[in-house]
Amino acid sequence: MFFEKMEKFQLVWLAIILAFGLVLAVKTATGTLSNDKITVTGSAYKIVKSDSARMEFEITNRSANRQTAYNKVKAQLPIVKQYLQDKGITDIDVSASNGYNSYKYLPNGTMTNDVAYYNLSQPIVIKSNDVQKIKEVSTDIQSLLDKGIDINVTSTQYFYSKLADLKVDLLKDATKDAKDRATGMLKATHNRPGKIQSVNMGVFQITPLDSTDVSDMGINDTSTIDKKVTAVANVVFRIK
C-alpha cells in the first residue's frame, strides 16, 4: 500500500515537471521568435557624368646648361598659353620651374662631376568645368611637338561635385533594396521584415562604367568622365 502511494506521488510530480517544462519551452520559443532578426545587404548605383576636370603637365627641355634650358622654356611658355586659350582654357596655373643636372659617365660606368646636360621642367595646371575641353587638350597637346615643344602629361582627372547629395539618395535606395531582398528571403517562411534595427553604410565604389573592381577601402576613379557610383547598405530587420 505504501509503495502504491509512493508510485502515484512520483507520477504526479513527474506530470507537474513535464507540464512546467512544456510551459518553459513555449515561453522560450515565443521569446526567440519575437527577437528574431535578419541581416541583409542591399545595393544601389547611379551613372553620373563628371562636371569638372583638372590636368597637370610639364614643358620639358634638355640643354647643355641651365641658362639655355631656362631661356628655351621661357620662350615656349607663351606659345603653350596661347594654345590653351585657343582651346577655351582660361584657368591656367603656372608653377615655379625645377631642374637638375645629368652627369657624364666613364666607359666603366663611373659617374663623373662633369655636366652632360641640364633638365628643366615647367609645371602647369589647367582646370575647367567643361570636361570636354580638358579631354580635347589631353589628347591633342602633344601636337605642340610640331613646334619643338616637349610636353609631359602627368595626370588628367575628372570629378563629380554632387557626390555628397548622391550618397544620401543611394543609401536610401540601397536600404530599400535590402528590404526587398529580405522580403523575398522570408516569403517562404510566411514572415516579413519589420522595423529596421540598424543600418551600416559600406564604402562607396566610384568606378569606370565597365569596371567590376571592388575594394574594401572603396574606389574613387578620376580617370573617366562617365562614372558608376555604387553604394552598399548592411541592414538588420526585425522579423514579424
Protein backbone atom coordinates (compact mmCIF):
# COMPACT_ATOMS: atom_id res chain seq x y z
CA MET A 1 0.00 0.00 0.00
CA PHE A 2 2.82 2.33 0.92
CA PHE A 3 4.66 1.64 -2.30
CA GLU A 4 1.47 2.17 -4.32
CA LYS A 5 1.03 5.65 -2.78
CA MET A 6 4.68 6.48 -3.45
CA GLU A 7 4.29 5.43 -7.05
CA LYS A 8 1.21 7.66 -7.51
CA PHE A 9 3.03 10.54 -5.81
CA GLN A 10 6.01 10.18 -8.18
CA LEU A 11 3.71 10.09 -11.18
CA VAL A 12 2.01 13.31 -10.06
CA TRP A 13 5.35 15.09 -9.65
CA LEU A 14 6.54 13.76 -12.98
CA ALA A 15 3.43 15.20 -14.65
CA ILE A 16 3.98 18.55 -12.94
CA ILE A 17 7.62 18.65 -14.04
CA LEU A 18 6.72 17.77 -17.62
CA ALA A 19 4.00 20.40 -17.71
CA PHE A 20 6.33 23.03 -16.29
CA GLY A 21 8.96 22.09 -18.83
CA LEU A 22 6.42 22.42 -21.62
CA VAL A 23 5.47 25.91 -20.44
CA LEU A 24 9.14 26.88 -20.32
CA ALA A 25 9.66 25.52 -23.82
CA VAL A 26 6.72 27.51 -25.18
CA LYS A 27 7.88 30.69 -23.48
CA THR A 28 11.43 30.21 -24.77
CA ALA A 29 10.26 29.60 -28.33
CA THR A 30 7.98 32.64 -28.23
CA GLY A 31 10.77 34.81 -26.87
CA THR A 32 13.20 33.70 -29.59
CA LEU A 33 10.65 34.37 -32.28
CA SER A 34 9.93 37.89 -31.06
CA ASN A 35 13.64 38.62 -31.02
CA ASP A 36 14.33 37.13 -34.45
CA LYS A 37 16.13 39.35 -36.90
CA ILE A 38 17.59 39.11 -40.38
CA THR A 39 20.65 40.86 -41.77
CA VAL A 40 20.58 41.68 -45.48
CA THR A 41 22.93 43.56 -47.79
CA GLY A 42 21.34 45.89 -50.31
CA SER A 43 22.96 47.90 -53.08
CA ALA A 44 22.15 50.72 -55.46
CA TYR A 45 24.03 52.57 -58.18
CA LYS A 46 23.77 55.56 -60.46
CA ILE A 47 25.61 56.63 -63.59
CA VAL A 48 26.97 60.18 -63.37
CA LYS A 49 28.91 62.48 -65.68
CA SER A 50 31.85 64.48 -64.35
CA ASP A 51 31.25 68.22 -64.12
CA SER A 52 34.82 69.46 -63.67
CA ALA A 53 38.28 68.44 -64.78
CA ARG A 54 41.92 69.09 -63.97
CA MET A 55 45.04 68.38 -65.99
CA GLU A 56 48.70 68.58 -64.97
CA PHE A 57 51.56 68.65 -67.44
CA GLU A 58 55.07 70.00 -67.90
CA ILE A 59 57.04 71.78 -70.56
CA THR A 60 60.36 69.96 -70.57
CA ASN A 61 63.73 70.82 -72.03
CA ARG A 62 67.18 69.28 -72.02
CA SER A 63 70.06 71.63 -72.88
CA ALA A 64 73.80 71.90 -72.42
CA ASN A 65 73.41 74.20 -69.42
CA ARG A 66 70.80 75.65 -67.09
CA GLN A 67 70.59 79.08 -68.69
CA THR A 68 69.99 77.71 -72.16
CA ALA A 69 67.25 75.39 -70.89
CA TYR A 70 65.62 78.24 -68.98
CA ASN A 71 65.65 80.57 -71.99
CA LYS A 72 64.07 77.94 -74.24
CA VAL A 73 61.27 77.13 -71.78
CA LYS A 74 60.67 80.83 -71.17
CA ALA A 75 60.22 81.36 -74.90
CA GLN A 76 57.91 78.33 -75.23
CA LEU A 77 55.60 79.22 -72.32
CA PRO A 78 53.65 81.99 -74.18
CA ILE A 79 53.09 79.60 -77.09
CA VAL A 80 51.64 76.97 -74.75
CA LYS A 81 49.41 79.55 -73.03
CA GLN A 82 48.09 80.75 -76.38
CA TYR A 83 47.42 77.16 -77.40
CA LEU A 84 45.38 76.62 -74.21
CA GLN A 85 43.43 79.84 -74.66
CA ASP A 86 42.61 78.86 -78.24
CA LYS A 87 41.15 75.65 -76.79
CA GLY A 88 38.93 77.68 -74.45
CA ILE A 89 41.01 77.11 -71.30
CA THR A 90 41.26 80.20 -69.09
CA ASP A 91 42.16 78.72 -65.67
CA ILE A 92 45.91 78.27 -66.15
CA ASP A 93 48.27 77.96 -63.18
CA VAL A 94 52.00 78.11 -63.90
CA SER A 95 54.21 76.93 -61.03
CA ALA A 96 57.90 77.56 -60.43
CA SER A 97 60.17 75.62 -62.76
CA ASN A 98 62.55 72.99 -61.44
CA GLY A 99 65.50 71.14 -62.86
CA TYR A 100 68.56 69.03 -62.27
CA ASN A 101 71.92 68.19 -63.82
CA SER A 102 72.71 64.95 -65.60
CA TYR A 103 76.36 63.95 -65.34
CA LYS A 104 78.73 62.21 -67.72
CA TYR A 105 79.85 58.63 -67.14
CA LEU A 106 83.16 56.94 -67.78
CA PRO A 107 83.29 53.83 -70.01
CA ASN A 108 83.43 51.67 -66.87
CA GLY A 109 80.13 53.13 -65.63
CA THR A 110 81.56 55.50 -63.03
CA MET A 111 79.75 58.85 -62.81
CA THR A 112 81.93 61.97 -63.11
CA ASN A 113 81.42 65.55 -61.91
CA ASP A 114 81.21 66.81 -65.48
CA VAL A 115 77.72 68.00 -66.50
CA ALA A 116 76.35 66.30 -69.62
CA TYR A 117 73.19 68.40 -69.82
CA TYR A 118 70.61 70.21 -67.72
CA ASN A 119 66.98 69.05 -67.42
CA LEU A 120 64.34 71.71 -66.83
CA SER A 121 60.59 71.27 -66.36
CA GLN A 122 57.86 73.91 -66.13
CA PRO A 123 54.74 72.55 -64.31
CA ILE A 124 51.34 73.81 -65.49
CA VAL A 125 47.88 73.00 -64.12
CA ILE A 126 44.68 73.73 -66.04
CA LYS A 127 41.08 73.41 -64.82
CA SER A 128 37.65 73.72 -66.38
CA ASN A 129 34.00 72.94 -65.70
CA ASP A 130 33.76 71.94 -69.35
CA VAL A 131 35.23 68.45 -69.15
CA GLN A 132 35.25 68.03 -72.92
CA LYS A 133 37.69 70.93 -73.27
CA ILE A 134 40.13 69.27 -70.87
CA LYS A 135 39.68 65.95 -72.65
CA GLU A 136 40.43 67.59 -76.01
CA VAL A 137 43.58 69.22 -74.67
CA SER A 138 44.76 65.96 -73.10
CA THR A 139 44.52 64.14 -76.42
CA ASP A 140 45.84 66.94 -78.63
CA ILE A 141 48.53 68.69 -76.60
CA GLN A 142 51.32 66.52 -78.00
CA SER A 143 50.76 68.36 -81.29
CA LEU A 144 52.97 71.07 -79.76
CA LEU A 145 55.88 68.80 -80.66
CA ASP A 146 55.45 70.14 -84.18
CA LYS A 147 56.58 73.50 -82.75
CA GLY A 148 59.56 71.96 -80.99
CA ILE A 149 57.90 71.97 -77.56
CA ASP A 150 58.24 68.82 -75.44
CA ILE A 151 55.22 68.13 -73.23
CA ASN A 152 54.95 65.56 -70.46
CA VAL A 153 51.38 64.97 -69.22
CA THR A 154 51.44 63.81 -65.59
CA SER A 155 47.71 63.44 -64.88
CA THR A 156 44.20 64.15 -66.19
CA GLN A 157 41.39 63.92 -63.64
CA TYR A 158 37.61 64.20 -63.86
CA PHE A 159 35.40 64.96 -60.85
CA TYR A 160 31.71 64.92 -59.90
CA SER A 161 30.86 67.71 -57.46
CA LYS A 162 27.49 66.44 -56.17
CA LEU A 163 28.67 63.22 -54.56
CA ALA A 164 27.53 64.24 -51.06
CA ASP A 165 23.89 64.58 -52.14
CA LEU A 166 24.09 61.49 -54.32
CA LYS A 167 25.38 59.36 -51.45
CA VAL A 168 22.31 60.20 -49.35
CA ASP A 169 19.96 59.17 -52.16
CA LEU A 170 21.91 55.99 -52.88
CA LEU A 171 21.85 54.97 -49.23
CA LYS A 172 18.04 55.25 -49.26
CA ASP A 173 17.85 53.16 -52.42
CA ALA A 174 20.29 50.57 -51.05
CA THR A 175 18.21 50.27 -47.86
CA LYS A 176 15.05 49.76 -49.94
CA ASP A 177 16.86 47.11 -51.97
CA ALA A 178 17.83 45.36 -48.74
CA LYS A 179 14.18 45.32 -47.63
CA ASP A 180 13.09 43.88 -50.98
CA ARG A 181 15.71 41.15 -50.63
CA ALA A 182 14.65 40.41 -47.06
CA THR A 183 11.01 40.17 -48.17
CA GLY A 184 11.95 37.63 -50.82
CA MET A 185 14.05 35.58 -48.41
CA LEU A 186 11.30 35.46 -45.76
CA LYS A 187 8.42 34.78 -48.12
CA ALA A 188 8.88 31.01 -47.91
CA THR A 189 8.56 31.16 -44.11
CA HIS A 190 5.41 33.30 -44.26
CA ASN A 191 7.24 36.09 -42.41
CA ARG A 192 8.19 39.56 -43.50
CA PRO A 193 10.74 42.20 -42.47
CA GLY A 194 9.61 44.61 -39.79
CA LYS A 195 11.29 47.64 -38.29
CA ILE A 196 14.90 48.41 -39.08
CA GLN A 197 17.15 47.66 -36.13
CA SER A 198 20.35 49.07 -37.60
CA VAL A 199 21.86 50.28 -40.87
CA ASN A 200 25.57 50.28 -41.66
CA MET A 201 26.68 52.01 -44.82
CA GLY A 202 29.53 50.35 -46.66
CA VAL A 203 32.22 52.14 -48.62
CA PHE A 204 31.30 53.73 -51.94
CA GLN A 205 32.73 52.42 -55.19
CA ILE A 206 33.21 55.11 -57.84
CA THR A 207 34.40 53.26 -60.92
CA PRO A 208 34.51 53.48 -64.72
CA LEU A 209 31.28 52.25 -66.32
CA ASP A 210 32.67 48.92 -67.49
CA SER A 211 34.68 48.17 -64.34
CA THR A 212 33.87 45.31 -61.97
CA ASP A 213 36.54 46.26 -59.44
CA VAL A 214 35.60 46.33 -55.75
CA SER A 215 37.76 47.37 -52.81
CA ASP A 216 37.22 47.11 -49.06
CA MET A 217 38.70 50.60 -48.84
CA GLY A 218 36.44 51.98 -51.56
CA ILE A 219 37.35 53.20 -55.05
CA ASN A 220 37.37 56.79 -56.28
CA ASP A 221 38.04 56.78 -60.00
CA THR A 222 39.10 60.12 -61.51
CA SER A 223 40.31 58.82 -64.87
CA THR A 224 36.96 58.78 -66.70
CA ILE A 225 34.24 61.32 -67.43
CA ASP A 226 31.33 58.88 -67.03
CA LYS A 227 31.34 57.02 -63.73
CA LYS A 228 29.31 54.41 -61.89
CA VAL A 229 28.69 55.22 -58.22
CA THR A 230 27.68 52.19 -56.15
CA ALA A 231 26.51 52.18 -52.54
CA VAL A 232 26.09 49.21 -50.20
CA ALA A 233 23.99 49.09 -47.03
CA ASN A 234 24.01 46.31 -44.44
CA VAL A 235 20.57 46.39 -42.80
CA VAL A 236 19.25 44.45 -39.81
CA PHE A 237 15.45 43.98 -39.79
CA ARG A 238 13.19 42.62 -37.11
CA ILE A 239 11.14 39.68 -38.36
CA LYS A 240 7.39 39.85 -37.96
